[in-house]
Amino acid sequence: MGEISCSTEPINGVLSRSSSSPPPSGYRKSCWYEEEIEENLRWCFALNSILHTGSTQYQEIALFDTKPFGKALVIDGKLQSAEVDEFVYHECLVHPPLLNHPNPKAVFIMGGGEGSTAREILKHTTVDKVVMCDIDEEVVEFCKEYLVVNTEAFNDPRLDVIINDARAELEKRKEEKFDVIVGDLADPIEGGPCYKLYTKYFYESTVKPRLSQGGIFVTQAGPAGIFSHAEVYTCIYNTLRQVFKYVVPYAAHIPSYADTWGWVMASDSPLEISCEEMDLRIKQRVEGENKYLDGTTFSSVSTLNKVVRNSLFNETHVYTEGAARFIYGHGKNEL
């Protein structure tokens, strides 16, 4: 659903016109990436250059150098990660579950091909094993080459990169347990490769049995804004409530997504450490300094607004393969 367009536009205006000739005085030549967020809403930003576009067996991929957000990774027409603010997404995804766990040593990542989730996990000194399982080898190799910020993580001996379907990989590791399982999957879009990994059956039959005693599962859960949270966020939350005893939804604004984004953390052990305890564990366990997340920030992002709280409370839909919900867009193909 993403498009690239070039135009000549007035410097102080909003109109644009296609042109291959040099811009006249008072105009500038500009190339834009445009993403269709929903049928009547598009989000666009200016590009410095197109670094790469291609197609894998599973997905369409592109890497842009954007003016406002630096390098931006786009998969199936959906922006996945942007250089200047990806730390917000990845710190929110990784640190709450690892800090809530008393002593996380083994972590499994579903997806995570760009390497940023592994990077944040490997900051935790307690962790001695990380399995990153992504289905698309070309995306992983692409990110290794172009996203140099994660080079150190890819070279860390604690990281084991597996190319496989995450469900198949977890199912074959019948005797193995993980302290934290992280769902860093692409959004559930129709025709995409990942929506089956958001279902009650998958959580119940595959994820939960692979968690150790006191283990924690966390997943990215799609847009969580005032108007967008009903797409998939609330039903992912409600689905996890059918499987786990304790479920915590939280959300933060990510500028390059043009929306608030949601995550859901779940466990059969309480998820209720204080701000002070979270800060202490960060100090004791995490190498370097988080840019975004600390105890006070997590208290803030897990205090959702009234509209979203009411929707979460009233949600009855359970995510199944036969009753899936999708965010706007369409993937390349379905597994």
C-alpha atoms as a PDB file:
ATOM      1  CA  MET A   1       0.000   0.000   0.000  1.00  0.00           C
ATOM      2  CA  GLY A   2       3.043   2.303  -0.156  1.00  0.00           C
ATOM      3  CA  GLU A   3       3.832   4.549  -3.121  1.00  0.00           C
ATOM      4  CA  ILE A   4       6.709   6.794  -4.172  1.00  0.00           C
ATOM      5  CA  SER A   5       6.002  10.004  -6.050  1.00  0.00           C
ATOM      6  CA  CYS A   6       8.141  12.888  -7.256  1.00  0.00           C
ATOM      7  CA  SER A   7       6.767  16.361  -7.821  1.00  0.00           C
ATOM      8  CA  THR A   8       7.566  20.031  -8.138  1.00  0.00           C
ATOM      9  CA  GLU A   9       5.856  21.970  -5.405  1.00  0.00           C
ATOM     10  CA  PRO A  10       5.634  25.556  -4.137  1.00  0.00           C
ATOM     11  CA  ILE A  11       7.933  26.075  -1.162  1.00  0.00           C
ATOM     12  CA  ASN A  12       5.201  27.734   0.905  1.00  0.00           C
ATOM     13  CA  GLY A  13       2.221  25.815  -0.410  1.00  0.00           C
ATOM     14  CA  VAL A  14       0.562  22.436  -0.507  1.00  0.00           C
ATOM     15  CA  LEU A  15      -0.171  21.949  -4.202  1.00  0.00           C
ATOM     16  CA  SER A  16       2.120  19.778  -6.299  1.00  0.00           C
ATOM     17  CA  ARG A  17       2.529  18.979  -9.969  1.00  0.00           C
ATOM     18  CA  SER A  18       4.471  16.231 -11.704  1.00  0.00           C
ATOM     19  CA  SER A  19       7.458  17.488 -13.638  1.00  0.00           C
ATOM     20  CA  SER A  20      10.704  16.181 -15.038  1.00  0.00           C
ATOM     21  CA  SER A  21      12.084  19.658 -15.804  1.00  0.00           C
ATOM     22  CA  PRO A  22      14.065  21.794 -13.335  1.00  0.00           C
ATOM     23  CA  PRO A  23      11.808  23.543 -10.813  1.00  0.00           C
ATOM     24  CA  PRO A  24      11.043  27.203 -11.479  1.00  0.00           C
ATOM     25  CA  SER A  25      11.926  29.938  -8.997  1.00  0.00           C
ATOM     26  CA  GLY A  26       9.984  29.530  -5.767  1.00  0.00           C
ATOM     27  CA  TYR A  27       9.529  25.805  -6.305  1.00  0.00           C
ATOM     28  CA  ARG A  28      11.473  22.740  -5.203  1.00  0.00           C
ATOM     29  CA  LYS A  29      11.754  19.214  -6.594  1.00  0.00           C
ATOM     30  CA  SER A  30      10.798  16.619  -4.015  1.00  0.00           C
ATOM     31  CA  CYS A  31      10.271  12.854  -3.832  1.00  0.00           C
ATOM     32  CA  TRP A  32       7.827  11.446  -1.327  1.00  0.00           C
ATOM     33  CA  TYR A  33       6.925   8.094   0.193  1.00  0.00           C
ATOM     34  CA  GLU A  34       3.189   7.756   0.721  1.00  0.00           C
ATOM     35  CA  GLU A  35       1.521   5.064   2.807  1.00  0.00           C
ATOM     36  CA  GLU A  36      -2.206   4.436   2.769  1.00  0.00           C
ATOM     37  CA  ILE A  37      -3.107   4.014   6.431  1.00  0.00           C
ATOM     38  CA  GLU A  38      -6.778   3.534   5.679  1.00  0.00           C
ATOM     39  CA  GLU A  39      -9.072   4.150   2.737  1.00  0.00           C
ATOM     40  CA  ASN A  40      -9.387   7.899   3.261  1.00  0.00           C
ATOM     41  CA  LEU A  41      -6.140   8.620   5.090  1.00  0.00           C
ATOM     42  CA  ARG A  42      -2.579   8.711   3.790  1.00  0.00           C
ATOM     43  CA  TRP A  43       0.720   9.529   5.474  1.00  0.00           C
ATOM     44  CA  CYS A  44       3.674  10.772   3.487  1.00  0.00           C
ATOM     45  CA  PHE A  45       7.170  12.107   4.015  1.00  0.00           C
ATOM     46  CA  ALA A  46       9.987  13.377   1.836  1.00  0.00           C
ATOM     47  CA  LEU A  47      12.859  11.172   0.691  1.00  0.00           C
ATOM     48  CA  ASN A  48      16.520  11.917   0.257  1.00  0.00           C
ATOM     49  CA  SER A  49      16.971   8.695  -1.697  1.00  0.00           C
ATOM     50  CA  ILE A  50      15.728   5.157  -2.316  1.00  0.00           C
ATOM     51  CA  LEU A  51      18.420   2.826  -0.979  1.00  0.00           C
ATOM     52  CA  HIS A  52      16.866  -0.489  -1.985  1.00  0.00           C
ATOM     53  CA  THR A  53      13.650  -2.081  -3.175  1.00  0.00           C
ATOM     54  CA  GLY A  54      13.050  -5.763  -3.715  1.00  0.00           C
ATOM     55  CA  SER A  55      10.810  -8.750  -3.302  1.00  0.00           C
ATOM     56  CA  THR A  56      11.345 -11.932  -1.308  1.00  0.00           C
ATOM     57  CA  GLN A  57       9.359 -15.163  -1.309  1.00  0.00           C
ATOM     58  CA  TYR A  58       7.152 -13.746   1.419  1.00  0.00           C
ATOM     59  CA  GLN A  59       7.218  -9.953   1.325  1.00  0.00           C
ATOM     60  CA  GLU A  60       7.976  -6.760  -0.553  1.00  0.00           C
ATOM     61  CA  ILE A  61      10.824  -4.850   1.117  1.00  0.00           C
ATOM     62  CA  ALA A  62      12.277  -1.377   0.727  1.00  0.00           C
ATOM     63  CA  LEU A  63      14.771   0.843   2.490  1.00  0.00           C
ATOM     64  CA  PHE A  64      14.450   4.613   2.141  1.00  0.00           C
ATOM     65  CA  ASP A  65      16.599   7.471   3.353  1.00  0.00           C
ATOM     66  CA  THR A  66      13.905   9.866   4.526  1.00  0.00           C
ATOM     67  CA  LYS A  67      14.264  13.531   5.381  1.00  0.00           C
ATOM     68  CA  PRO A  68      12.372  13.485   8.714  1.00  0.00           C
ATOM     69  CA  PHE A  69      13.101   9.975  10.020  1.00  0.00           C
ATOM     70  CA  GLY A  70      16.441   8.829   8.587  1.00  0.00           C
ATOM     71  CA  LYS A  71      16.620   5.296   7.193  1.00  0.00           C
ATOM     72  CA  ALA A  72      13.201   3.656   7.126  1.00  0.00           C
ATOM     73  CA  LEU A  73      12.455  -0.034   6.561  1.00  0.00           C
ATOM     74  CA  VAL A  74       9.166  -0.746   4.741  1.00  0.00           C
ATOM     75  CA  ILE A  75       7.668  -4.237   4.353  1.00  0.00           C
ATOM     76  CA  ASP A  76       4.523  -4.922   2.321  1.00  0.00           C
ATOM     77  CA  GLY A  77       3.900  -1.204   2.068  1.00  0.00           C
ATOM     78  CA  LYS A  78       3.914  -0.717   5.849  1.00  0.00           C
ATOM     79  CA  LEU A  79       6.653   1.228   7.601  1.00  0.00           C
ATOM     80  CA  GLN A  80       8.274  -1.145  10.093  1.00  0.00           C
ATOM     81  CA  SER A  81      11.069   0.873  11.610  1.00  0.00           C
ATOM     82  CA  ALA A  82      12.648   4.305  11.243  1.00  0.00           C
ATOM     83  CA  GLU A  83      16.133   5.261  12.351  1.00  0.00           C
ATOM     84  CA  VAL A  84      15.279   8.261  14.520  1.00  0.00           C
ATOM     85  CA  ASP A  85      12.492   6.736  16.653  1.00  0.00           C
ATOM     86  CA  GLU A  86      12.732   2.922  16.449  1.00  0.00           C
ATOM     87  CA  PHE A  87      14.125   2.977  19.987  1.00  0.00           C
ATOM     88  CA  VAL A  88      10.656   3.865  21.301  1.00  0.00           C
ATOM     89  CA  TYR A  89       9.096   0.755  19.750  1.00  0.00           C
ATOM     90  CA  HIS A  90      11.908  -1.639  20.638  1.00  0.00           C
ATOM     91  CA  GLU A  91      12.464  -0.430  24.198  1.00  0.00           C
ATOM     92  CA  CYS A  92       8.726  -0.727  24.883  1.00  0.00           C
ATOM     93  CA  LEU A  93       8.579  -4.193  23.363  1.00  0.00           C
ATOM     94  CA  VAL A  94      11.618  -5.632  25.140  1.00  0.00           C
ATOM     95  CA  HIS A  95      12.322  -4.042  28.492  1.00  0.00           C
ATOM     96  CA  PRO A  96       8.967  -4.339  30.317  1.00  0.00           C
ATOM     97  CA  PRO A  97       8.818  -8.166  30.108  1.00  0.00           C
ATOM     98  CA  LEU A  98      12.518  -8.659  30.820  1.00  0.00           C
ATOM     99  CA  LEU A  99      12.401  -6.289  33.783  1.00  0.00           C
ATOM    100  CA  ASN A 100       9.241  -7.863  35.178  1.00  0.00           C
ATOM    101  CA  HIS A 101      10.924 -11.263  35.101  1.00  0.00           C
ATOM    102  CA  PRO A 102      13.109 -11.878  38.184  1.00  0.00           C
ATOM    103  CA  ASN A 103      16.019 -13.404  36.261  1.00  0.00           C
ATOM    104  CA  PRO A 104      15.557 -13.784  32.482  1.00  0.00           C
ATOM    105  CA  LYS A 105      18.211 -15.987  30.920  1.00  0.00           C
ATOM    106  CA  ALA A 106      16.679 -17.531  27.779  1.00  0.00           C
ATOM    107  CA  VAL A 107      14.638 -15.451  25.320  1.00  0.00           C
ATOM    108  CA  PHE A 108      12.905 -16.409  22.062  1.00  0.00           C
ATOM    109  CA  ILE A 109      12.085 -13.778  19.432  1.00  0.00           C
ATOM    110  CA  MET A 110       9.347 -14.497  16.910  1.00  0.00           C
ATOM    111  CA  GLY A 111      10.306 -12.421  13.883  1.00  0.00           C
ATOM    112  CA  GLY A 112      12.602  -9.513  14.668  1.00  0.00           C
ATOM    113  CA  GLY A 113      14.552  -9.801  11.417  1.00  0.00           C
ATOM    114  CA  GLU A 114      15.994  -6.301  11.532  1.00  0.00           C
ATOM    115  CA  GLY A 115      17.914  -7.146  14.706  1.00  0.00           C
ATOM    116  CA  SER A 116      16.765  -4.241  16.897  1.00  0.00           C
ATOM    117  CA  THR A 117      14.771  -6.436  19.275  1.00  0.00           C
ATOM    118  CA  ALA A 118      17.797  -8.693  19.755  1.00  0.00           C
ATOM    119  CA  ARG A 119      19.935  -5.591  20.348  1.00  0.00           C
ATOM    120  CA  GLU A 120      17.726  -4.436  23.222  1.00  0.00           C
ATOM    121  CA  ILE A 121      17.496  -7.932  24.763  1.00  0.00           C
ATOM    122  CA  LEU A 122      21.270  -8.366  24.650  1.00  0.00           C
ATOM    123  CA  LYS A 123      21.686  -5.237  26.786  1.00  0.00           C
ATOM    124  CA  HIS A 124      20.400  -7.339  29.705  1.00  0.00           C
ATOM    125  CA  THR A 125      23.327  -8.859  31.574  1.00  0.00           C
ATOM    126  CA  THR A 126      21.228 -11.753  32.924  1.00  0.00           C
ATOM    127  CA  VAL A 127      20.509 -13.035  29.400  1.00  0.00           C
ATOM    128  CA  ASP A 128      22.790 -15.808  28.171  1.00  0.00           C
ATOM    129  CA  LYS A 129      20.754 -17.114  25.216  1.00  0.00           C
ATOM    130  CA  VAL A 130      18.616 -15.429  22.558  1.00  0.00           C
ATOM    131  CA  VAL A 131      16.960 -17.337  19.706  1.00  0.00           C
ATOM    132  CA  MET A 132      15.745 -15.059  16.913  1.00  0.00           C
ATOM    133  CA  CYS A 133      13.488 -16.933  14.494  1.00  0.00           C
ATOM    134  CA  ASP A 134      12.455 -15.122  11.320  1.00  0.00           C
ATOM    135  CA  ILE A 135      10.866 -16.783   8.318  1.00  0.00           C
ATOM    136  CA  ASP A 136      12.446 -14.513   5.714  1.00  0.00           C
ATOM    137  CA  GLU A 137      16.196 -15.030   5.290  1.00  0.00           C
ATOM    138  CA  GLU A 138      16.439 -12.306   2.657  1.00  0.00           C
ATOM    139  CA  VAL A 139      15.041  -9.711   5.063  1.00  0.00           C
ATOM    140  CA  VAL A 140      17.504 -10.788   7.771  1.00  0.00           C
ATOM    141  CA  GLU A 141      20.472 -10.604   5.391  1.00  0.00           C
ATOM    142  CA  PHE A 142      19.220  -7.304   4.025  1.00  0.00           C
ATOM    143  CA  CYS A 143      19.044  -5.813   7.520  1.00  0.00           C
ATOM    144  CA  LYS A 144      22.481  -7.150   8.426  1.00  0.00           C
ATOM    145  CA  GLU A 145      23.899  -5.326   5.426  1.00  0.00           C
ATOM    146  CA  TYR A 146      22.058  -2.021   5.659  1.00  0.00           C
ATOM    147  CA  LEU A 147      21.180  -1.473   9.347  1.00  0.00           C
ATOM    148  CA  VAL A 148      24.662  -1.106  10.791  1.00  0.00           C
ATOM    149  CA  VAL A 149      23.266   0.005  14.170  1.00  0.00           C
ATOM    150  CA  ASN A 150      22.563  -3.686  14.852  1.00  0.00           C
ATOM    151  CA  THR A 151      25.874  -5.126  13.650  1.00  0.00           C
ATOM    152  CA  GLU A 152      27.110  -5.685  17.187  1.00  0.00           C
ATOM    153  CA  ALA A 153      23.929  -7.541  18.132  1.00  0.00           C
ATOM    154  CA  PHE A 154      24.139  -9.847  15.102  1.00  0.00           C
ATOM    155  CA  ASN A 155      27.743 -10.661  16.072  1.00  0.00           C
ATOM    156  CA  ASP A 156      26.961 -11.356  19.741  1.00  0.00           C
ATOM    157  CA  PRO A 157      27.713 -15.038  20.522  1.00  0.00           C
ATOM    158  CA  ARG A 158      24.584 -15.241  22.694  1.00  0.00           C
ATOM    159  CA  LEU A 159      22.384 -14.721  19.617  1.00  0.00           C
ATOM    160  CA  ASP A 160      21.280 -17.702  17.533  1.00  0.00           C
ATOM    161  CA  VAL A 161      19.548 -16.663  14.296  1.00  0.00           C
ATOM    162  CA  ILE A 162      17.180 -19.307  12.908  1.00  0.00           C
ATOM    163  CA  ILE A 163      15.425 -19.068   9.545  1.00  0.00           C
ATOM    164  CA  ASN A 164      12.084 -20.786  10.012  1.00  0.00           C
ATOM    165  CA  ASP A 165       8.410 -20.222  10.702  1.00  0.00           C
ATOM    166  CA  ALA A 166       8.227 -19.221  14.383  1.00  0.00           C
ATOM    167  CA  ARG A 167       5.363 -21.584  15.102  1.00  0.00           C
ATOM    168  CA  ALA A 168       7.195 -24.559  13.565  1.00  0.00           C
ATOM    169  CA  GLU A 169      10.383 -23.672  15.440  1.00  0.00           C
ATOM    170  CA  LEU A 170       8.663 -23.400  18.811  1.00  0.00           C
ATOM    171  CA  GLU A 171       6.723 -26.606  18.230  1.00  0.00           C
ATOM    172  CA  LYS A 172       9.853 -28.621  17.507  1.00  0.00           C
ATOM    173  CA  ARG A 173      11.611 -27.351  20.657  1.00  0.00           C
ATOM    174  CA  LYS A 174       9.355 -29.474  22.857  1.00  0.00           C
ATOM    175  CA  GLU A 175      11.848 -29.899  25.699  1.00  0.00           C
ATOM    176  CA  GLU A 176      13.046 -26.296  25.707  1.00  0.00           C
ATOM    177  CA  LYS A 177      11.704 -23.500  27.891  1.00  0.00           C
ATOM    178  CA  PHE A 178      12.146 -19.758  27.609  1.00  0.00           C
ATOM    179  CA  ASP A 179      11.849 -17.122  30.315  1.00  0.00           C
ATOM    180  CA  VAL A 180      10.524 -14.544  27.842  1.00  0.00           C
ATOM    181  CA  ILE A 181       8.987 -15.001  24.382  1.00  0.00           C
ATOM    182  CA  VAL A 182       8.763 -11.841  22.275  1.00  0.00           C
ATOM    183  CA  GLY A 183       6.357 -11.427  19.362  1.00  0.00           C
ATOM    184  CA  ASP A 184       8.078  -8.945  17.059  1.00  0.00           C
ATOM    185  CA  LEU A 185       6.002  -9.981  14.089  1.00  0.00           C
ATOM    186  CA  ALA A 186       4.750  -8.022  11.130  1.00  0.00           C
ATOM    187  CA  ASP A 187       1.268  -6.606  11.522  1.00  0.00           C
ATOM    188  CA  PRO A 188      -1.670  -8.952  10.959  1.00  0.00           C
ATOM    189  CA  ILE A 189      -2.642  -7.946   7.436  1.00  0.00           C
ATOM    190  CA  GLU A 190      -4.766  -9.971   5.070  1.00  0.00           C
ATOM    191  CA  GLY A 191      -2.545 -12.066   2.821  1.00  0.00           C
ATOM    192  CA  GLY A 192       0.472 -11.484   5.057  1.00  0.00           C
ATOM    193  CA  PRO A 193       2.567 -14.269   6.593  1.00  0.00           C
ATOM    194  CA  CYS A 194       1.939 -13.550  10.292  1.00  0.00           C
ATOM    195  CA  TYR A 195      -1.711 -13.252  11.247  1.00  0.00           C
ATOM    196  CA  LYS A 196      -1.975 -16.905  12.352  1.00  0.00           C
ATOM    197  CA  LEU A 197       0.553 -16.134  15.086  1.00  0.00           C
ATOM    198  CA  TYR A 198      -1.929 -13.832  16.829  1.00  0.00           C
ATOM    199  CA  THR A 199      -4.552 -16.509  17.483  1.00  0.00           C
ATOM    200  CA  LYS A 200      -5.813 -18.014  20.728  1.00  0.00           C
ATOM    201  CA  TYR A 201      -4.872 -21.491  19.526  1.00  0.00           C
ATOM    202  CA  PHE A 202      -1.292 -20.457  18.848  1.00  0.00           C
ATOM    203  CA  TYR A 203      -0.915 -18.708  22.209  1.00  0.00           C
ATOM    204  CA  GLU A 204      -2.494 -21.627  24.047  1.00  0.00           C
ATOM    205  CA  SER A 205      -0.910 -24.597  22.262  1.00  0.00           C
ATOM    206  CA  THR A 206       2.485 -23.262  21.248  1.00  0.00           C
ATOM    207  CA  VAL A 207       3.567 -20.154  23.158  1.00  0.00           C
ATOM    208  CA  LYS A 208       2.428 -20.893  26.694  1.00  0.00           C
ATOM    209  CA  PRO A 209       3.861 -24.461  26.843  1.00  0.00           C
ATOM    210  CA  ARG A 210       7.309 -23.073  25.880  1.00  0.00           C
ATOM    211  CA  LEU A 211       7.422 -20.606  28.771  1.00  0.00           C
ATOM    212  CA  SER A 212       9.305 -21.530  31.919  1.00  0.00           C
ATOM    213  CA  GLN A 213       7.740 -21.150  35.366  1.00  0.00           C
ATOM    214  CA  GLY A 214       7.021 -17.436  35.775  1.00  0.00           C
ATOM    215  CA  GLY A 215       7.676 -16.865  32.073  1.00  0.00           C
ATOM    216  CA  ILE A 216       6.364 -13.820  30.252  1.00  0.00           C
ATOM    217  CA  PHE A 217       5.047 -13.361  26.724  1.00  0.00           C
ATOM    218  CA  VAL A 218       4.914  -9.984  24.993  1.00  0.00           C
ATOM    219  CA  THR A 219       3.716  -9.051  21.534  1.00  0.00           C
ATOM    220  CA  GLN A 220       3.439  -5.961  19.427  1.00  0.00           C
ATOM    221  CA  ALA A 221      -0.283  -5.504  18.961  1.00  0.00           C
ATOM    222  CA  GLY A 222      -0.784  -2.955  16.230  1.00  0.00           C
ATOM    223  CA  PRO A 223      -2.143   0.597  16.226  1.00  0.00           C
ATOM    224  CA  ALA A 224      -3.593   1.756  19.547  1.00  0.00           C
ATOM    225  CA  GLY A 225      -4.756   5.276  18.817  1.00  0.00           C
ATOM    226  CA  ILE A 226      -8.142   6.824  19.525  1.00  0.00           C
ATOM    227  CA  PHE A 227      -9.493   5.788  16.119  1.00  0.00           C
ATOM    228  CA  SER A 228      -7.257   2.816  15.274  1.00  0.00           C
ATOM    229  CA  HIS A 229      -7.212   0.675  18.433  1.00  0.00           C
ATOM    230  CA  ALA A 230     -10.311  -1.328  17.473  1.00  0.00           C
ATOM    231  CA  GLU A 231      -8.616  -2.815  14.399  1.00  0.00           C
ATOM    232  CA  VAL A 232      -6.589  -5.484  16.222  1.00  0.00           C
ATOM    233  CA  TYR A 233      -5.254  -4.107  19.519  1.00  0.00           C
ATOM    234  CA  THR A 234      -8.303  -4.775  21.665  1.00  0.00           C
ATOM    235  CA  CYS A 235      -8.934  -8.269  20.324  1.00  0.00           C
ATOM    236  CA  ILE A 236      -5.272  -9.305  20.748  1.00  0.00           C
ATOM    237  CA  TYR A 237      -5.564  -8.150  24.352  1.00  0.00           C
ATOM    238  CA  ASN A 238      -8.835 -10.028  24.863  1.00  0.00           C
ATOM    239  CA  THR A 239      -7.424 -13.143  23.195  1.00  0.00           C
ATOM    240  CA  LEU A 240      -4.455 -13.207  25.567  1.00  0.00           C
ATOM    241  CA  ARG A 241      -6.851 -12.804  28.500  1.00  0.00           C
ATOM    242  CA  GLN A 242      -8.358 -16.162  27.547  1.00  0.00           C
ATOM    243  CA  VAL A 243      -4.938 -17.822  27.854  1.00  0.00           C
ATOM    244  CA  PHE A 244      -3.001 -16.048  30.624  1.00  0.00           C
ATOM    245  CA  LYS A 245      -3.934 -15.004  34.143  1.00  0.00           C
ATOM    246  CA  TYR A 246      -2.272 -11.574  34.059  1.00  0.00           C
ATOM    247  CA  VAL A 247      -2.397  -9.359  30.956  1.00  0.00           C
ATOM    248  CA  VAL A 248      -1.074  -5.793  30.704  1.00  0.00           C
ATOM    249  CA  PRO A 249      -1.780  -3.586  27.666  1.00  0.00           C
ATOM    250  CA  TYR A 250       0.297  -0.483  27.065  1.00  0.00           C
ATOM    251  CA  ALA A 251       0.876   2.009  24.256  1.00  0.00           C
ATOM    252  CA  ALA A 252       3.138   4.869  23.165  1.00  0.00           C
ATOM    253  CA  HIS A 253       3.182   7.435  20.387  1.00  0.00           C
ATOM    254  CA  ILE A 254       5.684   6.713  17.609  1.00  0.00           C
ATOM    255  CA  PRO A 255       6.154   9.719  15.292  1.00  0.00           C
ATOM    256  CA  SER A 256       7.120   7.777  12.153  1.00  0.00           C
ATOM    257  CA  TYR A 257       4.011   5.581  12.497  1.00  0.00           C
ATOM    258  CA  ALA A 258       1.773   8.662  12.682  1.00  0.00           C
ATOM    259  CA  ASP A 259      -0.088   6.951  15.504  1.00  0.00           C
ATOM    260  CA  THR A 260       0.042   5.496  18.976  1.00  0.00           C
ATOM    261  CA  TRP A 261       1.301   1.909  18.988  1.00  0.00           C
ATOM    262  CA  GLY A 262       0.284  -0.930  21.276  1.00  0.00           C
ATOM    263  CA  TRP A 263       1.905  -3.879  23.021  1.00  0.00           C
ATOM    264  CA  VAL A 264       0.456  -6.540  25.297  1.00  0.00           C
ATOM    265  CA  MET A 265       2.384  -8.402  27.999  1.00  0.00           C
ATOM    266  CA  ALA A 266       1.010 -11.631  29.520  1.00  0.00           C
ATOM    267  CA  SER A 267       1.964 -14.175  32.160  1.00  0.00           C
ATOM    268  CA  ASP A 268       0.540 -16.535  34.762  1.00  0.00           C
ATOM    269  CA  SER A 269       2.648 -14.688  37.347  1.00  0.00           C
ATOM    270  CA  PRO A 270       1.816 -11.137  38.513  1.00  0.00           C
ATOM    271  CA  LEU A 271       3.119  -8.247  36.387  1.00  0.00           C
ATOM    272  CA  GLU A 272       3.174  -5.462  38.919  1.00  0.00           C
ATOM    273  CA  ILE A 273       6.667  -4.229  39.784  1.00  0.00           C
ATOM    274  CA  SER A 274       6.792  -0.611  40.955  1.00  0.00           C
ATOM    275  CA  CYS A 275       8.426   2.305  39.143  1.00  0.00           C
ATOM    276  CA  GLU A 276      11.189   2.262  41.725  1.00  0.00           C
ATOM    277  CA  GLU A 277      11.813  -1.459  41.303  1.00  0.00           C
ATOM    278  CA  MET A 278      11.881  -1.137  37.519  1.00  0.00           C
ATOM    279  CA  ASP A 279      14.438   1.660  37.748  1.00  0.00           C
ATOM    280  CA  LEU A 280      16.548  -0.396  40.148  1.00  0.00           C
ATOM    281  CA  ARG A 281      16.494  -3.402  37.832  1.00  0.00           C
ATOM    282  CA  ILE A 282      17.449  -1.199  34.880  1.00  0.00           C
ATOM    283  CA  LYS A 283      20.428   0.076  36.851  1.00  0.00           C
ATOM    284  CA  GLN A 284      21.457  -3.424  37.946  1.00  0.00           C
ATOM    285  CA  ARG A 285      20.844  -5.347  34.728  1.00  0.00           C
ATOM    286  CA  VAL A 286      20.861  -3.138  31.633  1.00  0.00           C
ATOM    287  CA  GLU A 287      24.091  -2.080  29.987  1.00  0.00           C
ATOM    288  CA  GLY A 288      24.055   1.505  28.781  1.00  0.00           C
ATOM    289  CA  GLU A 289      21.140   3.873  29.211  1.00  0.00           C
ATOM    290  CA  ASN A 290      17.663   3.559  27.759  1.00  0.00           C
ATOM    291  CA  LYS A 291      16.669   6.543  25.663  1.00  0.00           C
ATOM    292  CA  TYR A 292      12.948   6.233  26.360  1.00  0.00           C
ATOM    293  CA  LEU A 293      11.829   3.685  28.899  1.00  0.00           C
ATOM    294  CA  ASP A 294      12.201   3.862  32.665  1.00  0.00           C
ATOM    295  CA  GLY A 295       9.844   3.151  35.560  1.00  0.00           C
ATOM    296  CA  THR A 296       7.946   6.418  35.297  1.00  0.00           C
ATOM    297  CA  THR A 297       7.593   6.098  31.527  1.00  0.00           C
ATOM    298  CA  PHE A 298       6.200   2.584  31.818  1.00  0.00           C
ATOM    299  CA  SER A 299       3.698   3.802  34.401  1.00  0.00           C
ATOM    300  CA  SER A 300       2.649   6.419  31.862  1.00  0.00           C
ATOM    301  CA  VAL A 301       2.402   4.164  28.790  1.00  0.00           C
ATOM    302  CA  SER A 302       0.430   1.549  30.732  1.00  0.00           C
ATOM    303  CA  THR A 303      -2.103   4.186  31.843  1.00  0.00           C
ATOM    304  CA  LEU A 304      -4.332   4.248  28.796  1.00  0.00           C
ATOM    305  CA  ASN A 305      -6.908   6.878  27.920  1.00  0.00           C
ATOM    306  CA  LYS A 306     -10.588   6.427  28.699  1.00  0.00           C
ATOM    307  CA  VAL A 307     -11.629   5.622  25.111  1.00  0.00           C
ATOM    308  CA  VAL A 308      -9.128   2.778  24.760  1.00  0.00           C
ATOM    309  CA  ARG A 309      -9.719   1.500  28.315  1.00  0.00           C
ATOM    310  CA  ASN A 310     -13.447   1.228  27.672  1.00  0.00           C
ATOM    311  CA  SER A 311     -12.841  -0.616  24.406  1.00  0.00           C
ATOM    312  CA  LEU A 312     -10.460  -3.067  26.078  1.00  0.00           C
ATOM    313  CA  PHE A 313     -12.952  -3.682  28.874  1.00  0.00           C
ATOM    314  CA  ASN A 314     -15.850  -4.271  26.467  1.00  0.00           C
ATOM    315  CA  GLU A 315     -13.981  -6.314  23.829  1.00  0.00           C
ATOM    316  CA  THR A 316     -15.435  -9.807  23.341  1.00  0.00           C
ATOM    317  CA  HIS A 317     -13.804 -10.872  20.073  1.00  0.00           C
ATOM    318  CA  VAL A 318     -11.268 -13.697  20.285  1.00  0.00           C
ATOM    319  CA  TYR A 319      -8.682 -13.880  17.515  1.00  0.00           C
ATOM    320  CA  THR A 320      -8.841 -17.161  15.575  1.00  0.00           C
ATOM    321  CA  GLU A 321      -7.850 -18.157  12.058  1.00  0.00           C
ATOM    322  CA  GLY A 322     -11.505 -18.282  11.091  1.00  0.00           C
ATOM    323  CA  ALA A 323     -12.342 -14.990  12.795  1.00  0.00           C
ATOM    324  CA  ALA A 324      -9.206 -12.958  12.208  1.00  0.00           C
ATOM    325  CA  ARG A 325      -9.045  -9.198  12.261  1.00  0.00           C
ATOM    326  CA  PHE A 326      -6.585  -7.241  10.140  1.00  0.00           C
ATOM    327  CA  ILE A 327      -5.156  -3.771   9.976  1.00  0.00           C
ATOM    328  CA  TYR A 328      -5.684  -1.923   6.715  1.00  0.00           C
ATOM    329  CA  GLY A 329      -3.549  -3.219   3.860  1.00  0.00           C
ATOM    330  CA  HIS A 330      -2.745  -6.438   2.057  1.00  0.00           C
ATOM    331  CA  GLY A 331       0.278  -8.698   2.048  1.00  0.00           C
ATOM    332  CA  LYS A 332       2.052 -10.358  -0.854  1.00  0.00           C
ATOM    333  CA  ASN A 333       0.809 -13.865  -0.154  1.00  0.00           C
ATOM    334  CA  GLU A 334      -0.436 -16.160   2.583  1.00  0.00           C
ATOM    335  CA  LEU A 335       1.452 -19.186   3.916  1.00  0.00           C
END
